[in-house]
Amino acid sequence: MADIAIDIGGEIFLADFEEKAAPRTVERFRTLLPYKDRIIHVRWSGEACWIPMGERDLGIGYENATSYPAPGQVIVHPGGMSETEILVAYGPCCFASKAGQLAGNHFLTIKGDLDKLAEVCRSVLWDGNKPITFQKA
């Protein structure tokens, strides 16, 4: 059974927390559930969508950080060099912003339906932002 259900514009994706690799990030994200926002396509990072969180301080720092999330990996940039944000990779990705290359904490992994994830995220690119909700599965 999955830990989280992610609804992107009506399409549901099941995901598991990376508790051993990113315990502080997982613990903090759990306090935000259910988390609702809008997701938009990235500008510099490649094939990914993101949720800008502005100056929000999650108080987590870096753990299990990567600049190259694989398709289905969800990372959170804790802020500092660039704004706080959540990124959902659906294809080749090098996490970056106008400030340059970034790293984010890989804390959640979508386990299946990666072809459907790519389809939905490409729709965000061409059709615009979509609502996204993270909730307990």
C-alpha atoms as a PDB file:
ATOM      1  CA  MET A   1       0.000   0.000   0.000  1.00  0.00           C
ATOM      2  CA  ALA A   2       1.244   3.501  -0.836  1.00  0.00           C
ATOM      3  CA  ASP A   3       1.863   6.270   1.700  1.00  0.00           C
ATOM      4  CA  ILE A   4       0.512   9.151  -0.389  1.00  0.00           C
ATOM      5  CA  ALA A   5      -2.016   9.745  -3.156  1.00  0.00           C
ATOM      6  CA  ILE A   6      -1.115  12.651  -5.422  1.00  0.00           C
ATOM      7  CA  ASP A   7      -3.978  14.118  -7.458  1.00  0.00           C
ATOM      8  CA  ILE A   8      -2.794  16.227 -10.399  1.00  0.00           C
ATOM      9  CA  GLY A   9      -5.765  17.662 -12.248  1.00  0.00           C
ATOM     10  CA  GLY A  10      -7.903  14.602 -11.509  1.00  0.00           C
ATOM     11  CA  GLU A  11      -5.236  11.964 -12.239  1.00  0.00           C
ATOM     12  CA  ILE A  12      -4.157   9.979  -9.180  1.00  0.00           C
ATOM     13  CA  PHE A  13      -0.583   8.768  -8.584  1.00  0.00           C
ATOM     14  CA  LEU A  14       0.490   6.630  -5.639  1.00  0.00           C
ATOM     15  CA  ALA A  15       3.784   7.363  -3.930  1.00  0.00           C
ATOM     16  CA  ASP A  16       5.939   6.187  -1.045  1.00  0.00           C
ATOM     17  CA  PHE A  17       7.926   8.287   1.392  1.00  0.00           C
ATOM     18  CA  GLU A  18      11.718   7.925   1.466  1.00  0.00           C
ATOM     19  CA  GLU A  19      11.734   7.782   5.274  1.00  0.00           C
ATOM     20  CA  LYS A  20      15.195   6.284   5.779  1.00  0.00           C
ATOM     21  CA  ALA A  21      16.931   8.668   3.373  1.00  0.00           C
ATOM     22  CA  ALA A  22      15.036  11.868   4.249  1.00  0.00           C
ATOM     23  CA  PRO A  23      13.439  11.492   7.707  1.00  0.00           C
ATOM     24  CA  ARG A  24      13.282  15.209   8.599  1.00  0.00           C
ATOM     25  CA  THR A  25      11.765  16.139   5.242  1.00  0.00           C
ATOM     26  CA  VAL A  26       9.173  13.348   5.430  1.00  0.00           C
ATOM     27  CA  GLU A  27       8.271  14.279   9.006  1.00  0.00           C
ATOM     28  CA  ARG A  28       7.823  17.958   8.073  1.00  0.00           C
ATOM     29  CA  PHE A  29       5.818  17.178   4.924  1.00  0.00           C
ATOM     30  CA  ARG A  30       3.441  14.978   6.916  1.00  0.00           C
ATOM     31  CA  THR A  31       2.523  18.044   8.989  1.00  0.00           C
ATOM     32  CA  LEU A  32       1.383  19.786   5.788  1.00  0.00           C
ATOM     33  CA  LEU A  33      -1.052  17.038   4.737  1.00  0.00           C
ATOM     34  CA  PRO A  34      -3.390  17.314   3.046  1.00  0.00           C
ATOM     35  CA  TYR A  35      -1.386  19.757   0.937  1.00  0.00           C
ATOM     36  CA  LYS A  36      -3.218  21.572  -1.870  1.00  0.00           C
ATOM     37  CA  ASP A  37      -1.721  23.972  -4.382  1.00  0.00           C
ATOM     38  CA  ARG A  38      -1.229  24.615  -8.112  1.00  0.00           C
ATOM     39  CA  ILE A  39       1.515  22.950 -10.141  1.00  0.00           C
ATOM     40  CA  ILE A  40       3.242  24.645 -13.081  1.00  0.00           C
ATOM     41  CA  HIS A  41       5.880  23.539 -15.568  1.00  0.00           C
ATOM     42  CA  VAL A  42       9.534  24.281 -14.839  1.00  0.00           C
ATOM     43  CA  ARG A  43      11.439  26.899 -16.806  1.00  0.00           C
ATOM     44  CA  TRP A  44      15.068  25.783 -16.505  1.00  0.00           C
ATOM     45  CA  SER A  45      15.103  22.234 -15.158  1.00  0.00           C
ATOM     46  CA  GLY A  46      13.954  20.092 -18.091  1.00  0.00           C
ATOM     47  CA  GLU A  47      11.056  17.645 -17.804  1.00  0.00           C
ATOM     48  CA  ALA A  48       9.493  18.467 -14.455  1.00  0.00           C
ATOM     49  CA  CYS A  49       6.722  20.458 -12.845  1.00  0.00           C
ATOM     50  CA  TRP A  50       6.983  22.500  -9.678  1.00  0.00           C
ATOM     51  CA  ILE A  51       5.065  24.112  -6.872  1.00  0.00           C
ATOM     52  CA  PRO A  52       6.506  27.494  -5.867  1.00  0.00           C
ATOM     53  CA  MET A  53       6.298  28.043  -2.103  1.00  0.00           C
ATOM     54  CA  GLY A  54       7.954  31.467  -1.956  1.00  0.00           C
ATOM     55  CA  GLU A  55       9.835  32.375   1.189  1.00  0.00           C
ATOM     56  CA  ARG A  56       8.183  29.643   3.284  1.00  0.00           C
ATOM     57  CA  ASP A  57      10.722  28.197   5.718  1.00  0.00           C
ATOM     58  CA  LEU A  58      10.190  24.473   6.186  1.00  0.00           C
ATOM     59  CA  GLY A  59      13.034  24.293   8.712  1.00  0.00           C
ATOM     60  CA  ILE A  60      14.512  21.124   7.239  1.00  0.00           C
ATOM     61  CA  GLY A  61      17.867  21.892   5.603  1.00  0.00           C
ATOM     62  CA  TYR A  62      19.356  19.427   3.134  1.00  0.00           C
ATOM     63  CA  GLU A  63      19.181  15.621   3.313  1.00  0.00           C
ATOM     64  CA  ASN A  64      19.181  13.064   0.513  1.00  0.00           C
ATOM     65  CA  ALA A  65      19.665  16.010  -1.848  1.00  0.00           C
ATOM     66  CA  THR A  66      19.970  15.663  -5.603  1.00  0.00           C
ATOM     67  CA  SER A  67      20.133  17.926  -8.625  1.00  0.00           C
ATOM     68  CA  TYR A  68      19.150  15.084 -10.974  1.00  0.00           C
ATOM     69  CA  PRO A  69      15.833  13.572  -9.852  1.00  0.00           C
ATOM     70  CA  ALA A  70      14.667  10.561 -11.841  1.00  0.00           C
ATOM     71  CA  PRO A  71      11.161  10.337 -13.305  1.00  0.00           C
ATOM     72  CA  GLY A  72       8.675   9.902 -10.478  1.00  0.00           C
ATOM     73  CA  GLN A  73      10.930  11.389  -7.822  1.00  0.00           C
ATOM     74  CA  VAL A  74       9.537  14.292  -5.820  1.00  0.00           C
ATOM     75  CA  ILE A  75      12.037  16.667  -4.235  1.00  0.00           C
ATOM     76  CA  VAL A  76      11.761  19.755  -2.078  1.00  0.00           C
ATOM     77  CA  HIS A  77      14.198  22.661  -2.169  1.00  0.00           C
ATOM     78  CA  PRO A  78      14.311  24.020   1.389  1.00  0.00           C
ATOM     79  CA  GLY A  79      14.957  27.604   0.296  1.00  0.00           C
ATOM     80  CA  GLY A  80      17.936  29.881   0.679  1.00  0.00           C
ATOM     81  CA  MET A  81      19.670  30.291  -2.668  1.00  0.00           C
ATOM     82  CA  SER A  82      16.259  30.210  -4.384  1.00  0.00           C
ATOM     83  CA  GLU A  83      12.687  30.085  -3.145  1.00  0.00           C
ATOM     84  CA  THR A  84      11.264  27.060  -1.365  1.00  0.00           C
ATOM     85  CA  GLU A  85       9.651  24.697  -3.857  1.00  0.00           C
ATOM     86  CA  ILE A  86       8.481  21.163  -4.575  1.00  0.00           C
ATOM     87  CA  LEU A  87       9.532  19.589  -7.874  1.00  0.00           C
ATOM     88  CA  VAL A  88       8.020  16.514  -9.566  1.00  0.00           C
ATOM     89  CA  ALA A  89      10.298  15.018 -12.235  1.00  0.00           C
ATOM     90  CA  TYR A  90       8.698  13.183 -15.165  1.00  0.00           C
ATOM     91  CA  GLY A  91      11.689  12.905 -17.529  1.00  0.00           C
ATOM     92  CA  PRO A  92      15.326  14.004 -17.796  1.00  0.00           C
ATOM     93  CA  CYS A  93      15.882  16.794 -15.299  1.00  0.00           C
ATOM     94  CA  CYS A  94      18.693  18.954 -13.925  1.00  0.00           C
ATOM     95  CA  PHE A  95      17.150  20.992 -11.107  1.00  0.00           C
ATOM     96  CA  ALA A  96      17.916  24.686 -11.592  1.00  0.00           C
ATOM     97  CA  SER A  97      16.594  28.227 -11.227  1.00  0.00           C
ATOM     98  CA  LYS A  98      17.590  31.687 -12.371  1.00  0.00           C
ATOM     99  CA  ALA A  99      20.162  31.490  -9.546  1.00  0.00           C
ATOM    100  CA  GLY A 100      21.780  28.405 -11.170  1.00  0.00           C
ATOM    101  CA  GLN A 101      21.832  24.706 -10.383  1.00  0.00           C
ATOM    102  CA  LEU A 102      19.962  23.691  -7.229  1.00  0.00           C
ATOM    103  CA  ALA A 103      19.572  20.569  -5.128  1.00  0.00           C
ATOM    104  CA  GLY A 104      16.439  19.295  -3.450  1.00  0.00           C
ATOM    105  CA  ASN A 105      15.632  16.621  -0.901  1.00  0.00           C
ATOM    106  CA  HIS A 106      14.282  13.468  -2.538  1.00  0.00           C
ATOM    107  CA  PHE A 107      11.574  12.537  -0.047  1.00  0.00           C
ATOM    108  CA  LEU A 108       8.790  10.915  -2.089  1.00  0.00           C
ATOM    109  CA  THR A 109       8.698   8.527  -5.058  1.00  0.00           C
ATOM    110  CA  ILE A 110       5.804   7.884  -7.428  1.00  0.00           C
ATOM    111  CA  LYS A 111       5.923   4.118  -7.960  1.00  0.00           C
ATOM    112  CA  GLY A 112       3.935   3.536 -11.131  1.00  0.00           C
ATOM    113  CA  ASP A 113       2.069   5.087 -14.038  1.00  0.00           C
ATOM    114  CA  LEU A 114       5.139   7.100 -15.075  1.00  0.00           C
ATOM    115  CA  ASP A 115       3.884   7.263 -18.676  1.00  0.00           C
ATOM    116  CA  LYS A 116       0.645   8.804 -17.395  1.00  0.00           C
ATOM    117  CA  LEU A 117       2.657  11.181 -15.169  1.00  0.00           C
ATOM    118  CA  ALA A 118       4.595  12.373 -18.223  1.00  0.00           C
ATOM    119  CA  GLU A 119       1.338  12.862 -20.138  1.00  0.00           C
ATOM    120  CA  VAL A 120      -0.205  14.910 -17.326  1.00  0.00           C
ATOM    121  CA  CYS A 121       2.932  16.996 -16.844  1.00  0.00           C
ATOM    122  CA  ARG A 122       3.236  17.708 -20.574  1.00  0.00           C
ATOM    123  CA  SER A 123      -0.366  18.897 -20.385  1.00  0.00           C
ATOM    124  CA  VAL A 124       0.736  21.347 -17.683  1.00  0.00           C
ATOM    125  CA  LEU A 125       3.372  22.611 -20.127  1.00  0.00           C
ATOM    126  CA  TRP A 126       0.950  23.127 -23.024  1.00  0.00           C
ATOM    127  CA  ASP A 127      -2.354  23.813 -21.269  1.00  0.00           C
ATOM    128  CA  GLY A 128      -1.265  25.585 -18.075  1.00  0.00           C
ATOM    129  CA  ASN A 129      -1.254  24.997 -14.338  1.00  0.00           C
ATOM    130  CA  LYS A 130      -3.298  22.286 -12.665  1.00  0.00           C
ATOM    131  CA  PRO A 131      -4.502  21.753  -9.117  1.00  0.00           C
ATOM    132  CA  ILE A 132      -2.433  19.285  -7.092  1.00  0.00           C
ATOM    133  CA  THR A 133      -3.249  17.608  -3.802  1.00  0.00           C
ATOM    134  CA  PHE A 134      -1.053  15.366  -1.659  1.00  0.00           C
ATOM    135  CA  GLN A 135      -2.980  13.290   0.895  1.00  0.00           C
ATOM    136  CA  LYS A 136      -2.643  10.072   2.835  1.00  0.00           C
ATOM    137  CA  ALA A 137      -3.418   7.080   0.633  1.00  0.00           C
END
